[in-house]
Amino acid sequence: MEEDLQTFVTPDDEIVEKTDQKSRTGKRFKSLIRISMVTSISVFGVLFLFSLILCFVPVLQEVATPKGTRTITSGEIRENSEYKRQINNLKAEIQNLSRKYNSYTSGQSYLVINTTDNRFFLYRNKKLIREGFCSSGSYTVLQAEGEKKWIFKTPKGKYRILGKTVSPVWRKPDWAFVEEGLPVPPANHPSRWEYGVLGDYALSIGDGYLIHGTIYKRFLGMPVTHGCIRLNDEDLESIYNNLNIGSRVYIF
């Protein structure tokens, strides 16, 4: 009975089993290949899509951006902020200068002297009403006996008209006699008074400096004076009529 119950394996059964194993192995291999191919295709597809996005995003941004505009970078934003800060500083400085200008130039008439170009500018109600040539200090040096000397320069700064004279007479200072090689007379000697050399008008700005006429009109526009401001007859008359006692004179 025991022999009847035993299971016998024939050679054909072994062949069938081996064939089934090979079949299963082949199926697994094919399945792995399919999985690998799908995975590879998926990875390649993702990379390809990512590449397309990188390539087309700038193009899409340019298409989406309205014509005539562009994207502003962070660096440009910082530069723009710095630019705005500088503009605000300039505006504040301009306002400050405007206040100074208004304090210097009231509605009254005033005179500006440019000693570099030897030109004058007469203003009334902050508008230029006359300009022309003048003469200013020569900056020459006159040496007297001993250590005394004079430098003939026009003072610069802000001044006021302190006095106005019609038909002025020149009281010659000591240097006028030294310059001519003459002995210096006493303070009230008649030789100190000279008529007709200052023109029809004279305006004093202090310390002996005058705005006056001249008999040497051919030298106007040149630095030839002993420190005073010389003008021709017409310009001098206009300045005399427009400036009052206290009117400002700016010399630079």
Protein backbone atom coordinates (compact mmCIF):
# COMPACT_ATOMS: atom_id res chain seq x y z
CA MET A 1 0.00 0.00 0.00
CA GLU A 2 2.77 2.36 0.85
CA GLU A 3 4.36 1.78 -2.50
CA ASP A 4 0.98 2.51 -4.16
CA LEU A 5 0.76 5.86 -2.32
CA GLN A 6 4.21 7.10 -3.33
CA THR A 7 4.37 9.86 -5.98
CA PHE A 8 6.62 9.19 -8.79
CA VAL A 9 8.19 12.08 -10.81
CA THR A 10 8.74 11.27 -14.39
CA PRO A 11 11.36 12.90 -16.66
CA ASP A 12 8.58 14.61 -18.59
CA ASP A 13 7.36 16.29 -15.38
CA GLU A 14 10.86 17.64 -14.73
CA ILE A 15 11.00 19.05 -18.22
CA VAL A 16 7.63 20.77 -17.72
CA GLU A 17 8.70 22.26 -14.38
CA LYS A 18 11.93 23.58 -15.81
CA THR A 19 10.06 25.10 -18.71
CA ASP A 20 7.66 26.83 -16.31
CA GLN A 21 10.56 28.24 -14.30
CA LYS A 22 12.20 29.62 -17.44
CA SER A 23 8.89 31.10 -18.49
CA ARG A 24 8.42 32.81 -15.13
CA THR A 25 12.03 34.09 -15.20
CA GLY A 26 11.54 35.48 -18.68
CA LYS A 27 8.35 37.21 -17.65
CA ARG A 28 10.10 38.79 -14.66
CA PHE A 29 12.97 39.97 -16.90
CA LYS A 30 10.58 41.43 -19.45
CA SER A 31 8.66 43.12 -16.64
CA LEU A 32 11.87 44.67 -15.28
CA ILE A 33 12.80 45.87 -18.73
CA ARG A 34 9.38 47.45 -19.20
CA ILE A 35 9.61 49.13 -15.78
CA SER A 36 13.11 50.41 -16.58
CA MET A 37 11.99 51.76 -19.94
CA VAL A 38 8.95 53.47 -18.43
CA THR A 39 11.09 54.98 -15.68
CA SER A 40 13.70 56.18 -18.19
CA ILE A 41 11.06 57.67 -20.45
CA SER A 42 9.40 59.39 -17.48
CA VAL A 43 12.71 60.87 -16.25
CA PHE A 44 13.60 61.98 -19.77
CA GLY A 45 10.15 63.51 -20.18
CA VAL A 46 10.46 65.45 -16.92
CA LEU A 47 13.93 66.73 -17.85
CA PHE A 48 12.73 67.68 -21.32
CA LEU A 49 9.72 69.53 -19.89
CA PHE A 50 11.94 71.34 -17.36
CA SER A 51 14.30 72.38 -20.16
CA LEU A 52 11.39 73.73 -22.17
CA ILE A 53 10.21 75.75 -19.18
CA LEU A 54 13.68 77.25 -18.67
CA CYS A 55 13.91 78.16 -22.34
CA PHE A 56 10.44 79.59 -22.77
CA VAL A 57 9.94 81.45 -19.44
CA PRO A 58 12.02 84.50 -20.58
CA VAL A 59 10.17 84.46 -23.89
CA LEU A 60 6.82 84.27 -22.12
CA GLN A 61 7.87 87.11 -19.77
CA GLU A 62 8.85 89.27 -22.72
CA VAL A 63 5.56 88.50 -24.50
CA ALA A 64 3.56 89.13 -21.32
CA THR A 65 5.38 92.42 -20.59
CA PRO A 66 3.73 95.43 -22.29
CA LYS A 67 5.73 96.98 -25.09
CA GLY A 68 7.99 99.77 -23.90
CA THR A 69 8.38 98.33 -20.37
CA ARG A 70 10.87 95.98 -18.84
CA THR A 71 11.50 94.09 -15.65
CA ILE A 72 13.33 96.10 -12.96
CA THR A 73 16.05 94.24 -11.10
CA SER A 74 16.81 94.57 -7.39
CA GLY A 75 20.04 96.36 -8.23
CA GLU A 76 18.11 98.91 -10.27
CA ILE A 77 15.68 99.36 -7.38
CA ARG A 78 18.61 100.18 -5.06
CA GLU A 79 20.05 102.56 -7.63
CA ASN A 80 16.64 104.18 -8.04
CA SER A 81 16.39 104.69 -4.27
CA GLU A 82 19.85 106.28 -4.23
CA TYR A 83 18.86 108.49 -7.16
CA LYS A 84 15.71 109.63 -5.34
CA ARG A 85 17.76 110.37 -2.23
CA GLN A 86 20.20 112.53 -4.24
CA ILE A 87 17.31 114.34 -5.94
CA ASN A 88 15.75 115.12 -2.55
CA ASN A 89 19.10 116.43 -1.28
CA LEU A 90 19.46 118.63 -4.36
CA LYS A 91 15.94 119.98 -3.93
CA ALA A 92 16.69 120.86 -0.30
CA GLU A 93 19.93 122.58 -1.33
CA ILE A 94 18.14 124.54 -4.07
CA GLN A 95 15.52 125.70 -1.58
CA ASN A 96 18.26 126.79 0.81
CA LEU A 97 20.07 128.69 -1.96
CA SER A 98 16.77 130.24 -3.05
CA ARG A 99 16.19 131.55 0.48
CA LYS A 100 19.71 133.00 0.53
CA TYR A 101 19.20 134.56 -2.89
CA ASN A 102 15.94 136.15 -1.77
CA SER A 103 17.62 137.53 1.34
CA TYR A 104 20.42 139.03 -0.77
CA THR A 105 18.21 140.32 -3.58
CA SER A 106 15.21 142.20 -2.34
CA GLY A 107 12.79 144.09 -4.55
CA GLN A 108 15.09 147.09 -4.38
CA SER A 109 17.69 147.85 -7.03
CA TYR A 110 21.16 146.42 -6.57
CA LEU A 111 24.44 146.28 -8.44
CA VAL A 112 26.71 143.32 -9.21
CA ILE A 113 30.35 143.85 -10.19
CA ASN A 114 32.38 141.07 -11.82
CA THR A 115 36.04 142.03 -11.38
CA THR A 116 37.26 139.06 -13.42
CA ASP A 117 35.47 140.05 -16.63
CA ASN A 118 35.20 143.72 -15.60
CA ARG A 119 31.45 143.86 -16.20
CA PHE A 120 28.59 145.24 -14.16
CA PHE A 121 24.93 144.14 -13.86
CA LEU A 122 22.21 146.45 -12.58
CA TYR A 123 19.01 144.86 -11.25
CA ARG A 124 15.63 146.29 -10.32
CA ASN A 125 12.81 144.13 -8.94
CA LYS A 126 15.15 141.16 -9.49
CA LYS A 127 15.27 141.84 -13.23
CA LEU A 128 18.39 142.83 -15.14
CA ILE A 129 17.85 146.33 -16.51
CA ARG A 130 21.38 147.28 -17.57
CA GLU A 131 24.79 145.72 -18.04
CA GLY A 132 28.10 146.78 -19.51
CA PHE A 133 31.83 147.14 -19.08
CA CYS A 134 33.58 148.67 -16.12
CA SER A 135 37.13 148.87 -14.80
CA SER A 136 38.39 147.53 -11.50
CA GLY A 137 41.64 147.31 -9.54
CA SER A 138 44.88 146.56 -11.38
CA TYR A 139 46.48 144.60 -8.51
CA THR A 140 49.72 146.48 -9.11
CA VAL A 141 51.94 147.29 -6.14
CA LEU A 142 53.32 150.79 -5.46
CA GLN A 143 56.29 150.93 -3.12
CA ALA A 144 57.03 154.15 -1.25
CA GLU A 145 60.19 155.03 0.63
CA GLY A 146 60.67 152.78 3.60
CA GLU A 147 58.24 149.93 4.13
CA LYS A 148 55.04 151.66 3.04
CA LYS A 149 53.34 150.25 -0.06
CA TRP A 150 49.93 150.08 -1.70
CA ILE A 151 48.22 147.23 -3.58
CA PHE A 152 45.63 148.58 -5.99
CA LYS A 153 42.83 146.02 -5.80
CA THR A 154 39.06 146.30 -5.64
CA PRO A 155 37.60 144.86 -2.43
CA LYS A 156 35.25 141.90 -2.83
CA GLY A 157 32.13 141.13 -0.86
CA LYS A 158 28.74 142.59 -0.01
CA TYR A 159 28.55 146.38 0.36
CA ARG A 160 25.97 149.15 0.54
CA ILE A 161 25.78 152.59 -0.99
CA LEU A 162 26.84 154.94 1.81
CA GLY A 163 26.76 158.23 -0.09
CA LYS A 164 25.87 159.80 -3.45
CA THR A 165 27.53 162.89 -4.93
CA VAL A 166 26.89 165.01 -8.02
CA SER A 167 29.94 166.61 -9.71
CA PRO A 168 32.38 164.97 -7.28
CA VAL A 169 35.82 166.37 -6.57
CA TRP A 170 38.69 163.94 -6.07
CA ARG A 171 40.76 164.37 -2.94
CA LYS A 172 44.07 162.88 -3.96
CA PRO A 173 45.52 160.40 -1.42
CA ASP A 174 49.20 160.06 -0.62
CA TRP A 175 49.79 157.30 -3.19
CA ALA A 176 48.68 159.63 -6.02
CA PHE A 177 51.67 161.90 -5.33
CA VAL A 178 54.05 158.97 -4.80
CA GLU A 179 52.93 157.50 -8.12
CA GLU A 180 53.70 160.79 -9.88
CA GLY A 181 57.03 161.08 -8.14
CA LEU A 182 55.96 164.17 -6.23
CA PRO A 183 56.42 164.99 -2.57
CA VAL A 184 53.36 164.24 -0.41
CA PRO A 185 51.75 167.55 0.66
CA PRO A 186 49.95 168.27 3.95
CA ALA A 187 46.48 166.80 4.41
CA ASN A 188 44.58 170.01 3.46
CA HIS A 189 46.95 171.33 0.80
CA PRO A 190 45.12 172.72 -2.27
CA SER A 191 47.08 170.37 -4.54
CA ARG A 192 45.11 167.47 -3.12
CA TRP A 193 41.86 168.57 -4.80
CA GLU A 194 41.30 167.71 -8.44
CA TYR A 195 38.18 168.50 -10.44
CA GLY A 196 36.54 166.76 -13.40
CA VAL A 197 38.31 163.40 -13.21
CA LEU A 198 35.52 161.37 -11.51
CA GLY A 199 32.73 162.08 -13.98
CA ASP A 200 29.35 163.56 -13.19
CA TYR A 201 28.46 161.25 -10.28
CA ALA A 202 30.11 159.24 -7.53
CA LEU A 203 28.70 156.62 -5.16
CA SER A 204 30.64 155.67 -2.03
CA ILE A 205 30.80 152.09 -0.70
CA GLY A 206 33.13 152.93 2.19
CA ASP A 207 36.86 152.97 3.02
CA GLY A 208 37.51 155.53 0.25
CA TYR A 209 36.24 153.26 -2.55
CA LEU A 210 33.91 154.87 -5.09
CA ILE A 211 31.82 153.98 -8.10
CA HIS A 212 32.50 156.88 -10.46
CA GLY A 213 33.10 158.02 -14.03
CA THR A 214 36.38 158.34 -15.89
CA ILE A 215 38.19 160.39 -18.50
CA TYR A 216 39.96 157.21 -19.65
CA LYS A 217 37.00 155.52 -21.33
CA ARG A 218 39.22 153.57 -23.72
CA PHE A 219 40.36 151.47 -20.74
CA LEU A 220 36.87 150.34 -19.71
CA GLY A 221 36.68 146.56 -19.49
CA MET A 222 40.27 146.39 -18.22
CA PRO A 223 41.70 146.12 -14.67
CA VAL A 224 43.45 149.50 -14.52
CA THR A 225 42.09 151.36 -11.47
CA HIS A 226 43.53 151.96 -8.03
CA GLY A 227 40.59 150.07 -6.50
CA CYS A 228 37.52 152.11 -7.45
CA ILE A 229 34.94 151.04 -10.03
CA ARG A 230 34.96 153.16 -13.18
CA LEU A 231 32.01 153.46 -15.60
CA ASN A 232 31.18 155.41 -18.71
CA ASP A 233 28.86 158.41 -18.43
CA GLU A 234 25.59 156.74 -19.52
CA ASP A 235 26.02 153.66 -17.33
CA LEU A 236 27.06 155.76 -14.35
CA GLU A 237 23.98 157.97 -14.68
CA SER A 238 21.66 154.93 -14.82
CA ILE A 239 23.27 153.39 -11.75
CA TYR A 240 23.15 156.69 -9.87
CA ASN A 241 19.43 157.11 -10.61
CA ASN A 242 18.49 153.52 -9.67
CA LEU A 243 20.55 153.01 -6.52
CA ASN A 244 19.68 154.71 -3.25
CA ILE A 245 21.47 155.13 0.04
CA GLY A 246 21.53 151.61 1.49
CA SER A 247 21.24 149.84 -1.87
CA ARG A 248 23.37 146.72 -2.08
CA VAL A 249 26.48 146.25 -4.15
CA TYR A 250 27.95 142.78 -4.68
CA ILE A 251 31.55 142.61 -5.86
CA PHE A 252 33.23 139.35 -6.79
